[in-house]
Amino acid sequence: MPLLQQLDNFAVTRAEMQLKLGRHELEELLSKSLFLISIGNWDLHHAWWLQNIGIKFDQADVQSVASSLIAGVKALYDAGARKFRVIDVPLLGVRRPTTTIRNIFDTT
C-alpha cells in the first residue's frame, strides 16, 4: 500500500480515535507514539516502471520520491506525531529481480 494511501487511512483512524479519546488525550498519545515509516516497492513503483520501459531514472525522479516522503512525514507531524523512524528504504534506481507471470508459464 503506497505511503499516501496509508496516510489517508491514518487520517480516518485518527478521527475515530479522537471521537473515543477526546482531542487532548489523543494528542498526548500521538506525541508519545513511535511512527515507523517503511518505504517499499509501491512507493518506488513509478521509478521501476520508467526503467522497465527504458526511460532513464534521473535526479528529478529521486527528488519526486524524496518529496513524497517529506510530505508524508509532514502530514503525520501535522496530525500530532512527533517520533519517527524510517525503515526498509530500498536503493533508489536499483530493481530487485522479479518473477513475472510470463516467466512462470513460458515453457519454450
N, C-alpha and C. Protein backbone atom coordinates (compact mmCIF):
# COMPACT_ATOMS: atom_id res chain seq x y z
N MET A 1 0.86 -1.17 0.00
CA MET A 1 0.00 0.00 0.00
C MET A 1 0.91 1.24 0.00
N PRO A 2 0.72 2.13 -0.94
CA PRO A 2 1.56 3.33 -1.02
C PRO A 2 1.45 4.21 0.23
N LEU A 3 2.52 4.94 0.50
CA LEU A 3 2.59 5.80 1.68
C LEU A 3 1.41 6.77 1.76
N LEU A 4 1.08 7.41 0.65
CA LEU A 4 -0.01 8.40 0.69
C LEU A 4 -1.35 7.76 1.02
N GLN A 5 -1.57 6.53 0.57
CA GLN A 5 -2.81 5.84 0.93
C GLN A 5 -2.81 5.49 2.42
N GLN A 6 -1.65 5.10 2.94
CA GLN A 6 -1.55 4.83 4.37
C GLN A 6 -1.86 6.08 5.19
N LEU A 7 -1.41 7.23 4.70
CA LEU A 7 -1.69 8.49 5.40
C LEU A 7 -3.18 8.80 5.40
N ASP A 8 -3.85 8.53 4.28
CA ASP A 8 -5.30 8.73 4.22
C ASP A 8 -5.99 7.82 5.24
N ASN A 9 -5.55 6.57 5.31
CA ASN A 9 -6.13 5.63 6.28
C ASN A 9 -5.88 6.09 7.71
N PHE A 10 -4.69 6.63 7.96
CA PHE A 10 -4.38 7.13 9.30
C PHE A 10 -5.28 8.31 9.67
N ALA A 11 -5.57 9.17 8.71
CA ALA A 11 -6.44 10.32 8.99
C ALA A 11 -7.83 9.84 9.44
N VAL A 12 -8.33 8.80 8.79
CA VAL A 12 -9.64 8.24 9.18
C VAL A 12 -9.55 7.64 10.58
N THR A 13 -8.50 6.86 10.82
CA THR A 13 -8.31 6.24 12.14
C THR A 13 -8.15 7.29 13.23
N ARG A 14 -7.40 8.35 12.92
CA ARG A 14 -7.18 9.42 13.89
C ARG A 14 -8.50 10.09 14.28
N ALA A 15 -9.35 10.33 13.30
CA ALA A 15 -10.66 10.94 13.57
C ALA A 15 -11.50 10.05 14.47
N GLU A 16 -11.46 8.74 14.22
CA GLU A 16 -12.21 7.80 15.06
C GLU A 16 -11.65 7.77 16.48
N MET A 17 -10.33 7.81 16.59
CA MET A 17 -9.70 7.81 17.92
C MET A 17 -10.04 9.08 18.69
N GLN A 18 -10.11 10.20 17.99
CA GLN A 18 -10.43 11.46 18.66
C GLN A 18 -11.85 11.43 19.22
N LEU A 19 -12.76 10.80 18.49
CA LEU A 19 -14.13 10.67 19.00
C LEU A 19 -14.17 9.87 20.30
N LYS A 20 -13.35 8.83 20.37
CA LYS A 20 -13.35 7.96 21.55
C LYS A 20 -12.54 8.52 22.71
N LEU A 21 -11.38 9.12 22.40
CA LEU A 21 -10.47 9.56 23.46
C LEU A 21 -10.59 11.02 23.82
N GLY A 22 -11.05 11.82 22.88
CA GLY A 22 -11.03 13.27 23.06
C GLY A 22 -9.73 13.83 22.50
N ARG A 23 -9.77 15.10 22.16
CA ARG A 23 -8.63 15.74 21.49
C ARG A 23 -7.36 15.75 22.34
N HIS A 24 -7.48 16.16 23.58
CA HIS A 24 -6.30 16.29 24.44
C HIS A 24 -5.62 14.94 24.67
N GLU A 25 -6.39 13.93 25.01
CA GLU A 25 -5.82 12.61 25.27
C GLU A 25 -5.20 12.01 24.01
N LEU A 26 -5.83 12.23 22.86
CA LEU A 26 -5.27 11.73 21.60
C LEU A 26 -3.95 12.42 21.27
N GLU A 27 -3.90 13.74 21.44
CA GLU A 27 -2.65 14.46 21.17
C GLU A 27 -1.53 13.96 22.07
N GLU A 28 -1.85 13.70 23.32
CA GLU A 28 -0.86 13.17 24.27
C GLU A 28 -0.37 11.80 23.81
N LEU A 29 -1.29 10.94 23.41
CA LEU A 29 -0.95 9.60 22.94
C LEU A 29 -0.07 9.66 21.68
N LEU A 30 -0.48 10.46 20.72
CA LEU A 30 0.28 10.55 19.47
C LEU A 30 1.67 11.13 19.68
N SER A 31 1.80 12.08 20.60
CA SER A 31 3.10 12.69 20.84
C SER A 31 4.09 11.71 21.47
N LYS A 32 3.58 10.67 22.12
CA LYS A 32 4.45 9.66 22.74
C LYS A 32 4.65 8.43 21.86
N SER A 33 3.90 8.33 20.77
CA SER A 33 3.96 7.16 19.91
C SER A 33 5.13 7.24 18.93
N LEU A 34 5.67 6.08 18.57
CA LEU A 34 6.72 6.00 17.57
C LEU A 34 6.09 5.59 16.24
N PHE A 35 6.29 6.39 15.22
CA PHE A 35 5.74 6.13 13.90
C PHE A 35 6.83 5.56 13.01
N LEU A 36 6.65 4.32 12.57
CA LEU A 36 7.60 3.67 11.67
C LEU A 36 7.15 3.91 10.24
N ILE A 37 8.05 4.41 9.43
CA ILE A 37 7.74 4.69 8.03
C ILE A 37 8.61 3.77 7.19
N SER A 38 7.95 2.90 6.44
CA SER A 38 8.66 1.97 5.57
C SER A 38 8.43 2.38 4.13
N ILE A 39 9.50 2.60 3.42
CA ILE A 39 9.39 2.94 2.01
C ILE A 39 9.62 1.66 1.24
N GLY A 40 8.61 1.25 0.51
CA GLY A 40 8.71 -0.02 -0.18
C GLY A 40 8.51 0.10 -1.67
N ASN A 41 8.29 -1.05 -2.26
CA ASN A 41 8.18 -1.12 -3.72
C ASN A 41 7.04 -0.28 -4.27
N TRP A 42 5.92 -0.20 -3.56
CA TRP A 42 4.81 0.59 -4.08
C TRP A 42 5.18 2.06 -4.21
N ASP A 43 5.94 2.55 -3.25
CA ASP A 43 6.35 3.95 -3.29
C ASP A 43 7.34 4.22 -4.42
N LEU A 44 8.08 3.20 -4.80
CA LEU A 44 9.08 3.36 -5.86
C LEU A 44 8.63 2.74 -7.18
N HIS A 45 7.39 2.29 -7.25
CA HIS A 45 6.90 1.61 -8.46
C HIS A 45 7.04 2.48 -9.70
N HIS A 46 6.77 3.75 -9.58
CA HIS A 46 6.87 4.63 -10.75
C HIS A 46 8.29 4.61 -11.31
N ALA A 47 9.29 4.67 -10.43
CA ALA A 47 10.68 4.64 -10.88
C ALA A 47 10.99 3.32 -11.57
N TRP A 48 10.51 2.22 -10.99
CA TRP A 48 10.73 0.91 -11.61
C TRP A 48 10.09 0.85 -12.98
N TRP A 49 8.87 1.34 -13.08
CA TRP A 49 8.14 1.31 -14.34
C TRP A 49 8.90 2.09 -15.42
N LEU A 50 9.43 3.26 -15.05
CA LEU A 50 10.20 4.05 -16.01
C LEU A 50 11.41 3.26 -16.52
N GLN A 51 12.12 2.62 -15.61
CA GLN A 51 13.28 1.83 -16.02
C GLN A 51 12.87 0.66 -16.89
N ASN A 52 11.76 0.03 -16.54
CA ASN A 52 11.31 -1.16 -17.24
C ASN A 52 10.96 -0.88 -18.70
N ILE A 53 10.50 0.34 -18.98
CA ILE A 53 10.18 0.67 -20.38
C ILE A 53 11.32 1.44 -21.04
N GLY A 54 12.47 1.49 -20.36
CA GLY A 54 13.66 2.07 -20.98
C GLY A 54 13.86 3.55 -20.77
N ILE A 55 13.08 4.17 -19.91
CA ILE A 55 13.25 5.60 -19.63
C ILE A 55 14.21 5.74 -18.45
N LYS A 56 15.20 6.59 -18.60
CA LYS A 56 16.22 6.76 -17.56
C LYS A 56 15.60 7.32 -16.28
N PHE A 57 15.97 6.72 -15.17
CA PHE A 57 15.57 7.19 -13.84
C PHE A 57 16.55 8.29 -13.46
N ASP A 58 16.10 9.52 -13.46
CA ASP A 58 17.04 10.63 -13.25
C ASP A 58 16.82 11.32 -11.91
N GLN A 59 17.57 12.37 -11.68
CA GLN A 59 17.53 13.11 -10.42
C GLN A 59 16.13 13.64 -10.10
N ALA A 60 15.37 14.02 -11.12
CA ALA A 60 14.02 14.52 -10.89
C ALA A 60 13.14 13.45 -10.25
N ASP A 61 13.33 12.19 -10.65
CA ASP A 61 12.55 11.10 -10.06
C ASP A 61 12.95 10.87 -8.61
N VAL A 62 14.24 10.95 -8.32
CA VAL A 62 14.71 10.81 -6.94
C VAL A 62 14.11 11.92 -6.09
N GLN A 63 14.09 13.14 -6.62
CA GLN A 63 13.51 14.26 -5.89
C GLN A 63 12.02 14.06 -5.67
N SER A 64 11.34 13.47 -6.64
CA SER A 64 9.90 13.22 -6.50
C SER A 64 9.64 12.23 -5.36
N VAL A 65 10.42 11.16 -5.30
CA VAL A 65 10.27 10.18 -4.22
C VAL A 65 10.57 10.83 -2.88
N ALA A 66 11.65 11.62 -2.82
CA ALA A 66 12.02 12.30 -1.58
C ALA A 66 10.94 13.30 -1.16
N SER A 67 10.39 14.03 -2.12
CA SER A 67 9.32 14.99 -1.81
C SER A 67 8.09 14.30 -1.26
N SER A 68 7.78 13.13 -1.80
CA SER A 68 6.63 12.36 -1.31
C SER A 68 6.86 11.93 0.14
N LEU A 69 8.07 11.48 0.44
CA LEU A 69 8.40 11.09 1.81
C LEU A 69 8.31 12.28 2.76
N ILE A 70 8.85 13.42 2.35
CA ILE A 70 8.80 14.63 3.18
C ILE A 70 7.36 15.04 3.43
N ALA A 71 6.54 15.00 2.38
CA ALA A 71 5.12 15.36 2.54
C ALA A 71 4.42 14.41 3.50
N GLY A 72 4.77 13.12 3.43
CA GLY A 72 4.18 12.15 4.34
C GLY A 72 4.55 12.39 5.79
N VAL A 73 5.82 12.66 6.04
CA VAL A 73 6.28 12.94 7.40
C VAL A 73 5.63 14.22 7.92
N LYS A 74 5.53 15.24 7.07
CA LYS A 74 4.90 16.50 7.48
C LYS A 74 3.43 16.28 7.82
N ALA A 75 2.74 15.46 7.02
CA ALA A 75 1.32 15.18 7.29
C ALA A 75 1.17 14.48 8.65
N LEU A 76 2.05 13.54 8.94
CA LEU A 76 2.00 12.87 10.24
C LEU A 76 2.31 13.84 11.37
N TYR A 77 3.29 14.70 11.16
CA TYR A 77 3.64 15.70 12.17
C TYR A 77 2.46 16.64 12.43
N ASP A 78 1.83 17.08 11.36
CA ASP A 78 0.66 17.96 11.49
C ASP A 78 -0.50 17.27 12.21
N ALA A 79 -0.53 15.92 12.12
CA ALA A 79 -1.58 15.16 12.80
C ALA A 79 -1.24 14.85 14.25
N GLY A 80 -0.04 15.27 14.70
CA GLY A 80 0.32 15.10 16.10
C GLY A 80 1.49 14.17 16.36
N ALA A 81 1.99 13.48 15.35
CA ALA A 81 3.13 12.59 15.54
C ALA A 81 4.39 13.40 15.80
N ARG A 82 5.25 12.89 16.68
CA ARG A 82 6.49 13.59 16.99
C ARG A 82 7.73 12.71 16.92
N LYS A 83 7.56 11.40 16.95
CA LYS A 83 8.70 10.48 16.92
C LYS A 83 8.61 9.62 15.67
N PHE A 84 9.68 9.63 14.88
CA PHE A 84 9.68 8.92 13.60
C PHE A 84 10.90 8.03 13.46
N ARG A 85 10.74 6.96 12.73
CA ARG A 85 11.85 6.11 12.31
C ARG A 85 11.53 5.65 10.89
N VAL A 86 12.45 5.91 9.97
CA VAL A 86 12.28 5.45 8.59
C VAL A 86 13.07 4.16 8.45
N ILE A 87 12.38 3.11 8.01
CA ILE A 87 13.00 1.78 7.92
C ILE A 87 12.82 1.21 6.52
N ASP A 88 13.60 0.20 6.20
CA ASP A 88 13.46 -0.58 4.96
C ASP A 88 13.51 0.26 3.69
N VAL A 89 14.38 1.24 3.62
CA VAL A 89 14.46 2.05 2.41
C VAL A 89 15.30 1.31 1.38
N PRO A 90 14.69 0.92 0.25
CA PRO A 90 15.47 0.24 -0.79
C PRO A 90 16.35 1.23 -1.53
N LEU A 91 17.32 0.71 -2.25
CA LEU A 91 18.19 1.56 -3.05
C LEU A 91 17.40 2.18 -4.19
N LEU A 92 17.50 3.48 -4.34
CA LEU A 92 16.81 4.16 -5.43
C LEU A 92 17.50 3.83 -6.75
N GLY A 93 16.69 3.53 -7.75
CA GLY A 93 17.23 3.27 -9.08
C GLY A 93 17.74 1.86 -9.27
N VAL A 94 17.55 0.99 -8.28
CA VAL A 94 18.01 -0.39 -8.39
C VAL A 94 16.80 -1.30 -8.28
N ARG A 95 16.60 -2.13 -9.29
CA ARG A 95 15.47 -3.06 -9.27
C ARG A 95 15.90 -4.39 -8.67
N ARG A 96 15.02 -4.96 -7.88
CA ARG A 96 15.24 -6.32 -7.43
C ARG A 96 14.72 -7.25 -8.52
N PRO A 97 15.35 -8.41 -8.69
CA PRO A 97 14.83 -9.35 -9.69
C PRO A 97 13.41 -9.78 -9.31
N THR A 98 12.55 -9.86 -10.28
CA THR A 98 11.18 -10.29 -10.04
C THR A 98 10.82 -11.42 -10.99
N THR A 99 9.87 -12.19 -10.59
CA THR A 99 9.35 -13.25 -11.45
C THR A 99 8.02 -12.77 -12.00
N THR A 100 7.90 -12.79 -13.29
CA THR A 100 6.65 -12.37 -13.91
C THR A 100 5.82 -13.58 -14.25
N ILE A 101 4.55 -13.37 -14.48
CA ILE A 101 3.67 -14.47 -14.88
C ILE A 101 4.16 -15.07 -16.19
N ARG A 102 4.68 -14.25 -17.06
CA ARG A 102 5.20 -14.76 -18.33
C ARG A 102 6.33 -15.75 -18.08
N ASN A 103 7.24 -15.44 -17.16
CA ASN A 103 8.34 -16.35 -16.83
C ASN A 103 7.82 -17.68 -16.28
N ILE A 104 6.78 -17.64 -15.50
CA ILE A 104 6.26 -18.85 -14.87
C ILE A 104 5.66 -19.79 -15.91
N PHE A 105 4.93 -19.24 -16.86
CA PHE A 105 4.21 -20.07 -17.81
C PHE A 105 4.93 -20.25 -19.15
N ASP A 106 6.06 -19.64 -19.32
CA ASP A 106 6.81 -19.76 -20.58
C ASP A 106 7.56 -21.09 -20.57
N THR A 107 7.18 -22.00 -21.44
CA THR A 107 7.80 -23.32 -21.49
C THR A 107 8.73 -23.48 -22.68
N THR A 108 8.98 -22.40 -23.41
CA THR A 108 9.85 -22.52 -24.58
C THR A 108 11.30 -22.48 -24.21
